[in-house]
Amino acid sequence: MEDELLYSLNAVRNMEVIDISTGSKIGYVKDFKVDINTKKIISIFLPSPVKSWFNKAEDIELSWDKIVKIGVDVLIVDASSVIEEFKENNV
């Protein structure tokens, strides 16, 4: 039987987020969206890759099913399409 790794939300927030298709570091989990009825995480929020002096950049919302693997200190995600769409809409 495989041992289960359990993480607190705070521990996940300190994990580095890596895009599996590019191998690039996206940042760290900024926040979570939780369904209070099912008590499950629906999505995570990542910091915006678009920085601006004049307006507040919106965070990237990444569906929980885009998470490929949760390691000891890293989250591997499939976020390339979400990030490209975000950049197109926020440039």
PDB file of N, CA and C in Angstrom:
ATOM      1  N   MET A   1       0.840  -1.178   0.000  1.00  0.00           N
ATOM      2  CA  MET A   1       0.000   0.000   0.000  1.00  0.00           C
ATOM      3  C   MET A   1       0.888   1.245   0.000  1.00  0.00           C
ATOM      4  N   GLU A   2       0.573   2.189  -0.858  1.00  0.00           N
ATOM      5  CA  GLU A   2       1.355   3.420  -0.977  1.00  0.00           C
ATOM      6  C   GLU A   2       0.998   4.385   0.150  1.00  0.00           C
ATOM      7  N   ASP A   3       2.025   4.979   0.754  1.00  0.00           N
ATOM      8  CA  ASP A   3       1.788   5.955   1.817  1.00  0.00           C
ATOM      9  C   ASP A   3       1.181   7.219   1.237  1.00  0.00           C
ATOM     10  N   GLU A   4       0.182   7.747   1.919  1.00  0.00           N
ATOM     11  CA  GLU A   4      -0.432   9.001   1.510  1.00  0.00           C
ATOM     12  C   GLU A   4       0.321  10.155   2.132  1.00  0.00           C
ATOM     13  N   LEU A   5       0.559  11.183   1.332  1.00  0.00           N
ATOM     14  CA  LEU A   5       1.145  12.406   1.852  1.00  0.00           C
ATOM     15  C   LEU A   5       0.020  13.396   2.081  1.00  0.00           C
ATOM     16  N   LEU A   6      -0.053  13.941   3.260  1.00  0.00           N
ATOM     17  CA  LEU A   6      -1.078  14.917   3.592  1.00  0.00           C
ATOM     18  C   LEU A   6      -0.415  16.268   3.792  1.00  0.00           C
ATOM     19  N   TYR A   7      -1.010  17.300   3.215  1.00  0.00           N
ATOM     20  CA  TYR A   7      -0.460  18.641   3.301  1.00  0.00           C
ATOM     21  C   TYR A   7      -1.510  19.598   3.828  1.00  0.00           C
ATOM     22  N   SER A   8      -1.079  20.541   4.612  1.00  0.00           N
ATOM     23  CA  SER A   8      -1.981  21.615   5.016  1.00  0.00           C
ATOM     24  C   SER A   8      -2.025  22.632   3.879  1.00  0.00           C
ATOM     25  N   LEU A   9      -3.054  23.466   3.862  1.00  0.00           N
ATOM     26  CA  LEU A   9      -3.140  24.509   2.840  1.00  0.00           C
ATOM     27  C   LEU A   9      -1.936  25.437   2.928  1.00  0.00           C
ATOM     28  N   ASN A  10      -1.494  25.699   4.135  1.00  0.00           N
ATOM     29  CA  ASN A  10      -0.342  26.567   4.318  1.00  0.00           C
ATOM     30  C   ASN A  10       0.920  25.948   3.710  1.00  0.00           C
ATOM     31  N   ALA A  11       1.079  24.641   3.824  1.00  0.00           N
ATOM     32  CA  ALA A  11       2.233  23.959   3.239  1.00  0.00           C
ATOM     33  C   ALA A  11       2.180  24.021   1.717  1.00  0.00           C
ATOM     34  N   VAL A  12       1.000  23.843   1.141  1.00  0.00           N
ATOM     35  CA  VAL A  12       0.847  23.915  -0.315  1.00  0.00           C
ATOM     36  C   VAL A  12       1.129  25.332  -0.797  1.00  0.00           C
ATOM     37  N   ARG A  13       0.740  26.314  -0.030  1.00  0.00           N
ATOM     38  CA  ARG A  13       0.966  27.707  -0.403  1.00  0.00           C
ATOM     39  C   ARG A  13       2.462  28.019  -0.514  1.00  0.00           C
ATOM     40  N   ASN A  14       3.297  27.300   0.209  1.00  0.00           N
ATOM     41  CA  ASN A  14       4.742  27.522   0.164  1.00  0.00           C
ATOM     42  C   ASN A  14       5.451  26.693  -0.902  1.00  0.00           C
ATOM     43  N   MET A  15       4.699  25.917  -1.671  1.00  0.00           N
ATOM     44  CA  MET A  15       5.303  25.086  -2.709  1.00  0.00           C
ATOM     45  C   MET A  15       5.487  25.875  -4.003  1.00  0.00           C
ATOM     46  N   GLU A  16       6.578  25.565  -4.688  1.00  0.00           N
ATOM     47  CA  GLU A  16       6.846  26.160  -5.983  1.00  0.00           C
ATOM     48  C   GLU A  16       5.916  25.515  -7.015  1.00  0.00           C
ATOM     49  N   VAL A  17       5.397  26.308  -7.961  1.00  0.00           N
ATOM     50  CA  VAL A  17       4.500  25.796  -9.001  1.00  0.00           C
ATOM     51  C   VAL A  17       5.262  25.792 -10.324  1.00  0.00           C
ATOM     52  N   ILE A  18       5.334  24.616 -10.963  1.00  0.00           N
ATOM     53  CA  ILE A  18       6.068  24.432 -12.212  1.00  0.00           C
ATOM     54  C   ILE A  18       5.098  23.962 -13.292  1.00  0.00           C
ATOM     55  N   ASP A  19       5.198  24.584 -14.491  1.00  0.00           N
ATOM     56  CA  ASP A  19       4.380  24.163 -15.630  1.00  0.00           C
ATOM     57  C   ASP A  19       5.051  22.958 -16.284  1.00  0.00           C
ATOM     58  N   ILE A  20       4.325  21.864 -16.414  1.00  0.00           N
ATOM     59  CA  ILE A  20       4.895  20.620 -16.937  1.00  0.00           C
ATOM     60  C   ILE A  20       5.285  20.731 -18.408  1.00  0.00           C
ATOM     61  N   SER A  21       4.576  21.529 -19.201  1.00  0.00           N
ATOM     62  CA  SER A  21       4.862  21.588 -20.630  1.00  0.00           C
ATOM     63  C   SER A  21       6.072  22.454 -20.964  1.00  0.00           C
ATOM     64  N   THR A  22       6.375  23.452 -20.142  1.00  0.00           N
ATOM     65  CA  THR A  22       7.522  24.322 -20.420  1.00  0.00           C
ATOM     66  C   THR A  22       8.661  24.137 -19.428  1.00  0.00           C
ATOM     67  N   GLY A  23       8.366  23.554 -18.290  1.00  0.00           N
ATOM     68  CA  GLY A  23       9.372  23.404 -17.248  1.00  0.00           C
ATOM     69  C   GLY A  23       9.675  24.693 -16.516  1.00  0.00           C
ATOM     70  N   SER A  24       8.885  25.729 -16.785  1.00  0.00           N
ATOM     71  CA  SER A  24       9.154  27.034 -16.176  1.00  0.00           C
ATOM     72  C   SER A  24       8.444  27.188 -14.835  1.00  0.00           C
ATOM     73  N   LYS A  25       9.095  27.951 -13.975  1.00  0.00           N
ATOM     74  CA  LYS A  25       8.522  28.255 -12.666  1.00  0.00           C
ATOM     75  C   LYS A  25       7.447  29.323 -12.853  1.00  0.00           C
ATOM     76  N   ILE A  26       6.264  29.078 -12.318  1.00  0.00           N
ATOM     77  CA  ILE A  26       5.170  30.043 -12.408  1.00  0.00           C
ATOM     78  C   ILE A  26       5.146  30.929 -11.174  1.00  0.00           C
ATOM     79  N   GLY A  27       5.491  30.379 -10.059  1.00  0.00           N
ATOM     80  CA  GLY A  27       5.462  31.136  -8.814  1.00  0.00           C
ATOM     81  C   GLY A  27       5.025  30.230  -7.685  1.00  0.00           C
ATOM     82  N   TYR A  28       4.266  30.796  -6.780  1.00  0.00           N
ATOM     83  CA  TYR A  28       3.756  30.053  -5.626  1.00  0.00           C
ATOM     84  C   TYR A  28       2.241  30.190  -5.571  1.00  0.00           C
ATOM     85  N   VAL A  29       1.572  29.224  -4.965  1.00  0.00           N
ATOM     86  CA  VAL A  29       0.120  29.295  -4.808  1.00  0.00           C
ATOM     87  C   VAL A  29      -0.194  30.518  -3.961  1.00  0.00           C
ATOM     88  N   LYS A  30      -1.062  31.363  -4.482  1.00  0.00           N
ATOM     89  CA  LYS A  30      -1.419  32.595  -3.775  1.00  0.00           C
ATOM     90  C   LYS A  30      -2.664  32.411  -2.914  1.00  0.00           C
ATOM     91  N   ASP A  31      -3.636  31.644  -3.443  1.00  0.00           N
ATOM     92  CA  ASP A  31      -4.885  31.448  -2.714  1.00  0.00           C
ATOM     93  C   ASP A  31      -5.597  30.214  -3.256  1.00  0.00           C
ATOM     94  N   PHE A  32      -6.705  29.861  -2.625  1.00  0.00           N
ATOM     95  CA  PHE A  32      -7.496  28.691  -3.001  1.00  0.00           C
ATOM     96  C   PHE A  32      -8.962  29.077  -3.116  1.00  0.00           C
ATOM     97  N   LYS A  33      -9.696  28.342  -3.955  1.00  0.00           N
ATOM     98  CA  LYS A  33     -11.155  28.440  -3.974  1.00  0.00           C
ATOM     99  C   LYS A  33     -11.674  27.090  -3.501  1.00  0.00           C
ATOM    100  N   VAL A  34     -12.490  27.120  -2.454  1.00  0.00           N
ATOM    101  CA  VAL A  34     -12.978  25.893  -1.829  1.00  0.00           C
ATOM    102  C   VAL A  34     -14.497  25.839  -1.914  1.00  0.00           C
ATOM    103  N   ASP A  35     -15.032  24.676  -2.287  1.00  0.00           N
ATOM    104  CA  ASP A  35     -16.474  24.449  -2.268  1.00  0.00           C
ATOM    105  C   ASP A  35     -16.838  24.062  -0.837  1.00  0.00           C
ATOM    106  N   ILE A  36     -17.598  24.912  -0.164  1.00  0.00           N
ATOM    107  CA  ILE A  36     -17.898  24.653   1.246  1.00  0.00           C
ATOM    108  C   ILE A  36     -18.873  23.493   1.439  1.00  0.00           C
ATOM    109  N   ASN A  37     -19.632  23.153   0.409  1.00  0.00           N
ATOM    110  CA  ASN A  37     -20.565  22.025   0.526  1.00  0.00           C
ATOM    111  C   ASN A  37     -19.841  20.682   0.453  1.00  0.00           C
ATOM    112  N   THR A  38     -18.912  20.567  -0.492  1.00  0.00           N
ATOM    113  CA  THR A  38     -18.185  19.304  -0.656  1.00  0.00           C
ATOM    114  C   THR A  38     -16.868  19.281   0.115  1.00  0.00           C
ATOM    115  N   LYS A  39     -16.463  20.456   0.610  1.00  0.00           N
ATOM    116  CA  LYS A  39     -15.199  20.593   1.356  1.00  0.00           C
ATOM    117  C   LYS A  39     -13.997  20.185   0.517  1.00  0.00           C
ATOM    118  N   LYS A  40     -14.028  20.561  -0.766  1.00  0.00           N
ATOM    119  CA  LYS A  40     -12.936  20.240  -1.685  1.00  0.00           C
ATOM    120  C   LYS A  40     -12.416  21.512  -2.339  1.00  0.00           C
ATOM    121  N   ILE A  41     -11.139  21.485  -2.679  1.00  0.00           N
ATOM    122  CA  ILE A  41     -10.533  22.607  -3.394  1.00  0.00           C
ATOM    123  C   ILE A  41     -10.990  22.548  -4.844  1.00  0.00           C
ATOM    124  N   ILE A  42     -11.501  23.665  -5.341  1.00  0.00           N
ATOM    125  CA  ILE A  42     -11.962  23.759  -6.728  1.00  0.00           C
ATOM    126  C   ILE A  42     -10.840  24.254  -7.627  1.00  0.00           C
ATOM    127  N   SER A  43     -10.118  25.269  -7.153  1.00  0.00           N
ATOM    128  CA  SER A  43      -9.048  25.843  -7.955  1.00  0.00           C
ATOM    129  C   SER A  43      -8.023  26.524  -7.062  1.00  0.00           C
ATOM    130  N   ILE A  44      -6.880  26.816  -7.681  1.00  0.00           N
ATOM    131  CA  ILE A  44      -5.845  27.577  -6.995  1.00  0.00           C
ATOM    132  C   ILE A  44      -5.622  28.872  -7.761  1.00  0.00           C
ATOM    133  N   PHE A  45      -5.143  29.875  -7.075  1.00  0.00           N
ATOM    134  CA  PHE A  45      -4.821  31.147  -7.704  1.00  0.00           C
ATOM    135  C   PHE A  45      -3.315  31.326  -7.704  1.00  0.00           C
ATOM    136  N   LEU A  46      -2.789  31.712  -8.867  1.00  0.00           N
ATOM    137  CA  LEU A  46      -1.364  31.949  -9.040  1.00  0.00           C
ATOM    138  C   LEU A  46      -1.141  33.432  -9.301  1.00  0.00           C
ATOM    139  N   PRO A  47       0.022  33.955  -8.941  1.00  0.00           N
ATOM    140  CA  PRO A  47       0.288  35.365  -9.211  1.00  0.00           C
ATOM    141  C   PRO A  47       0.339  35.629 -10.710  1.00  0.00           C
ATOM    142  N   SER A  48      -0.091  36.796 -11.098  1.00  0.00           N
ATOM    143  CA  SER A  48      -0.117  37.179 -12.501  1.00  0.00           C
ATOM    144  C   SER A  48       1.294  37.298 -13.066  1.00  0.00           C
ATOM    145  N   PRO A  49       1.534  36.762 -14.288  1.00  0.00           N
ATOM    146  CA  PRO A  49       2.840  36.956 -14.920  1.00  0.00           C
ATOM    147  C   PRO A  49       2.968  38.346 -15.540  1.00  0.00           C
ATOM    148  N   VAL A  50       1.844  39.048 -15.661  1.00  0.00           N
ATOM    149  CA  VAL A  50       1.831  40.388 -16.250  1.00  0.00           C
ATOM    150  C   VAL A  50       1.888  41.407 -15.128  1.00  0.00           C
ATOM    151  N   LYS A  51       2.955  42.191 -15.115  1.00  0.00           N
ATOM    152  CA  LYS A  51       3.110  43.222 -14.088  1.00  0.00           C
ATOM    153  C   LYS A  51       2.834  44.587 -14.707  1.00  0.00           C
ATOM    154  N   SER A  52       2.190  45.442 -13.953  1.00  0.00           N
ATOM    155  CA  SER A  52       1.861  46.773 -14.448  1.00  0.00           C
ATOM    156  C   SER A  52       1.982  47.787 -13.324  1.00  0.00           C
ATOM    157  N   TRP A  53       2.449  48.976 -13.666  1.00  0.00           N
ATOM    158  CA  TRP A  53       2.559  50.061 -12.689  1.00  0.00           C
ATOM    159  C   TRP A  53       1.225  50.750 -12.471  1.00  0.00           C
ATOM    160  N   PHE A  54       0.367  50.729 -13.478  1.00  0.00           N
ATOM    161  CA  PHE A  54      -0.823  51.575 -13.458  1.00  0.00           C
ATOM    162  C   PHE A  54      -2.110  50.877 -13.056  1.00  0.00           C
ATOM    163  N   ASN A  55      -2.173  49.594 -13.210  1.00  0.00           N
ATOM    164  CA  ASN A  55      -3.392  48.897 -12.792  1.00  0.00           C
ATOM    165  C   ASN A  55      -3.034  47.599 -12.079  1.00  0.00           C
ATOM    166  N   LYS A  56      -3.944  47.143 -11.276  1.00  0.00           N
ATOM    167  CA  LYS A  56      -3.724  45.921 -10.512  1.00  0.00           C
ATOM    168  C   LYS A  56      -3.868  44.715 -11.435  1.00  0.00           C
ATOM    169  N   ALA A  57      -2.853  43.891 -11.483  1.00  0.00           N
ATOM    170  CA  ALA A  57      -2.901  42.686 -12.308  1.00  0.00           C
ATOM    171  C   ALA A  57      -3.771  41.638 -11.623  1.00  0.00           C
ATOM    172  N   GLU A  58      -4.566  40.955 -12.409  1.00  0.00           N
ATOM    173  CA  GLU A  58      -5.420  39.905 -11.860  1.00  0.00           C
ATOM    174  C   GLU A  58      -4.626  38.609 -11.729  1.00  0.00           C
ATOM    175  N   ASP A  59      -5.023  37.807 -10.774  1.00  0.00           N
ATOM    176  CA  ASP A  59      -4.375  36.517 -10.572  1.00  0.00           C
ATOM    177  C   ASP A  59      -4.902  35.504 -11.584  1.00  0.00           C
ATOM    178  N   ILE A  60      -4.135  34.449 -11.791  1.00  0.00           N
ATOM    179  CA  ILE A  60      -4.540  33.359 -12.679  1.00  0.00           C
ATOM    180  C   ILE A  60      -5.255  32.309 -11.845  1.00  0.00           C
ATOM    181  N   GLU A  61      -6.461  31.952 -12.267  1.00  0.00           N
ATOM    182  CA  GLU A  61      -7.190  30.876 -11.594  1.00  0.00           C
ATOM    183  C   GLU A  61      -6.956  29.589 -12.370  1.00  0.00           C
ATOM    184  N   LEU A  62      -6.450  28.588 -11.687  1.00  0.00           N
ATOM    185  CA  LEU A  62      -6.120  27.314 -12.305  1.00  0.00           C
ATOM    186  C   LEU A  62      -6.957  26.217 -11.650  1.00  0.00           C
ATOM    187  N   SER A  63      -7.749  25.542 -12.459  1.00  0.00           N
ATOM    188  CA  SER A  63      -8.618  24.475 -11.953  1.00  0.00           C
ATOM    189  C   SER A  63      -7.791  23.380 -11.279  1.00  0.00           C
ATOM    190  N   TRP A  64      -8.333  22.817 -10.215  1.00  0.00           N
ATOM    191  CA  TRP A  64      -7.634  21.778  -9.452  1.00  0.00           C
ATOM    192  C   TRP A  64      -7.287  20.579 -10.328  1.00  0.00           C
ATOM    193  N   ASP A  65      -8.095  20.295 -11.350  1.00  0.00           N
ATOM    194  CA  ASP A  65      -7.803  19.146 -12.212  1.00  0.00           C
ATOM    195  C   ASP A  65      -6.615  19.390 -13.140  1.00  0.00           C
ATOM    196  N   LYS A  66      -6.072  20.600 -13.179  1.00  0.00           N
ATOM    197  CA  LYS A  66      -4.863  20.902 -13.957  1.00  0.00           C
ATOM    198  C   LYS A  66      -3.590  20.555 -13.187  1.00  0.00           C
ATOM    199  N   ILE A  67      -3.742  20.181 -11.916  1.00  0.00           N
ATOM    200  CA  ILE A  67      -2.583  19.781 -11.125  1.00  0.00           C
ATOM    201  C   ILE A  67      -2.242  18.338 -11.479  1.00  0.00           C
ATOM    202  N   VAL A  68      -1.019  18.145 -11.973  1.00  0.00           N
ATOM    203  CA  VAL A  68      -0.576  16.833 -12.421  1.00  0.00           C
ATOM    204  C   VAL A  68      -0.015  16.018 -11.259  1.00  0.00           C
ATOM    205  N   LYS A  69       0.782  16.665 -10.405  1.00  0.00           N
ATOM    206  CA  LYS A  69       1.446  15.951  -9.314  1.00  0.00           C
ATOM    207  C   LYS A  69       1.756  16.929  -8.188  1.00  0.00           C
ATOM    208  N   ILE A  70       1.585  16.452  -6.967  1.00  0.00           N
ATOM    209  CA  ILE A  70       1.981  17.219  -5.791  1.00  0.00           C
ATOM    210  C   ILE A  70       3.155  16.485  -5.169  1.00  0.00           C
ATOM    211  N   GLY A  71       4.304  17.143  -5.172  1.00  0.00           N
ATOM    212  CA  GLY A  71       5.500  16.544  -4.598  1.00  0.00           C
ATOM    213  C   GLY A  71       5.727  17.041  -3.183  1.00  0.00           C
ATOM    214  N   VAL A  72       6.906  16.769  -2.669  1.00  0.00           N
ATOM    215  CA  VAL A  72       7.245  17.180  -1.316  1.00  0.00           C
ATOM    216  C   VAL A  72       7.325  18.695  -1.205  1.00  0.00           C
ATOM    217  N   ASP A  73       7.899  19.358  -2.222  1.00  0.00           N
ATOM    218  CA  ASP A  73       8.044  20.813  -2.161  1.00  0.00           C
ATOM    219  C   ASP A  73       7.690  21.518  -3.464  1.00  0.00           C
ATOM    220  N   VAL A  74       6.968  20.823  -4.355  1.00  0.00           N
ATOM    221  CA  VAL A  74       6.631  21.412  -5.651  1.00  0.00           C
ATOM    222  C   VAL A  74       5.271  20.905  -6.134  1.00  0.00           C
ATOM    223  N   LEU A  75       4.561  21.778  -6.861  1.00  0.00           N
ATOM    224  CA  LEU A  75       3.320  21.409  -7.551  1.00  0.00           C
ATOM    225  C   LEU A  75       3.621  21.404  -9.042  1.00  0.00           C
ATOM    226  N   ILE A  76       3.356  20.303  -9.717  1.00  0.00           N
ATOM    227  CA  ILE A  76       3.520  20.227 -11.161  1.00  0.00           C
ATOM    228  C   ILE A  76       2.134  20.408 -11.765  1.00  0.00           C
ATOM    229  N   VAL A  77       1.997  21.415 -12.648  1.00  0.00           N
ATOM    230  CA  VAL A  77       0.690  21.731 -13.217  1.00  0.00           C
ATOM    231  C   VAL A  77       0.765  21.781 -14.735  1.00  0.00           C
ATOM    232  N   ASP A  78      -0.365  21.612 -15.383  1.00  0.00           N
ATOM    233  CA  ASP A  78      -0.486  21.776 -16.831  1.00  0.00           C
ATOM    234  C   ASP A  78      -1.198  23.101 -17.057  1.00  0.00           C
ATOM    235  N   ALA A  79      -0.419  24.175 -17.090  1.00  0.00           N
ATOM    236  CA  ALA A  79      -1.007  25.514 -17.099  1.00  0.00           C
ATOM    237  C   ALA A  79      -0.703  26.313 -18.350  1.00  0.00           C
ATOM    238  N   SER A  80      -0.030  25.743 -19.335  1.00  0.00           N
ATOM    239  CA  SER A  80       0.415  26.530 -20.484  1.00  0.00           C
ATOM    240  C   SER A  80      -0.743  27.186 -21.229  1.00  0.00           C
ATOM    241  N   SER A  81      -1.827  26.463 -21.472  1.00  0.00           N
ATOM    242  CA  SER A  81      -2.957  27.052 -22.199  1.00  0.00           C
ATOM    243  C   SER A  81      -3.640  28.137 -21.377  1.00  0.00           C
ATOM    244  N   VAL A  82      -3.722  27.942 -20.081  1.00  0.00           N
ATOM    245  CA  VAL A  82      -4.357  28.927 -19.200  1.00  0.00           C
ATOM    246  C   VAL A  82      -3.526  30.206 -19.147  1.00  0.00           C
ATOM    247  N   ILE A  83      -2.213  30.072 -19.070  1.00  0.00           N
ATOM    248  CA  ILE A  83      -1.331  31.240 -19.000  1.00  0.00           C
ATOM    249  C   ILE A  83      -1.327  31.995 -20.320  1.00  0.00           C
ATOM    250  N   GLU A  84      -1.276  31.286 -21.446  1.00  0.00           N
ATOM    251  CA  GLU A  84      -1.318  31.953 -22.753  1.00  0.00           C
ATOM    252  C   GLU A  84      -2.619  32.729 -22.928  1.00  0.00           C
ATOM    253  N   GLU A  85      -3.738  32.122 -22.561  1.00  0.00           N
ATOM    254  CA  GLU A  85      -5.033  32.801 -22.649  1.00  0.00           C
ATOM    255  C   GLU A  85      -5.056  34.028 -21.746  1.00  0.00           C
ATOM    256  N   PHE A  86      -4.497  33.904 -20.569  1.00  0.00           N
ATOM    257  CA  PHE A  86      -4.440  35.022 -19.624  1.00  0.00           C
ATOM    258  C   PHE A  86      -3.627  36.171 -20.210  1.00  0.00           C
ATOM    259  N   LYS A  87      -2.467  35.857 -20.795  1.00  0.00           N
ATOM    260  CA  LYS A  87      -1.611  36.897 -21.377  1.00  0.00           C
ATOM    261  C   LYS A  87      -2.309  37.603 -22.535  1.00  0.00           C
ATOM    262  N   GLU A  88      -3.011  36.843 -23.379  1.00  0.00           N
ATOM    263  CA  GLU A  88      -3.726  37.438 -24.511  1.00  0.00           C
ATOM    264  C   GLU A  88      -4.817  38.396 -24.043  1.00  0.00           C
ATOM    265  N   ASN A  89      -5.500  38.052 -22.973  1.00  0.00           N
ATOM    266  CA  ASN A  89      -6.609  38.871 -22.477  1.00  0.00           C
ATOM    267  C   ASN A  89      -6.167  40.036 -21.610  1.00  0.00           C
ATOM    268  N   ASN A  90      -4.926  40.034 -21.127  1.00  0.00           N
ATOM    269  CA  ASN A  90      -4.489  41.058 -20.188  1.00  0.00           C
ATOM    270  C   ASN A  90      -3.289  41.871 -20.664  1.00  0.00           C
ATOM    271  N   VAL A  91      -2.991  41.835 -21.937  1.00  0.00           N
ATOM    272  CA  VAL A  91      -1.871  42.634 -22.449  1.00  0.00           C
ATOM    273  C   VAL A  91      -2.382  43.914 -23.034  1.00  0.00           C
TER     274      VAL A  91
END
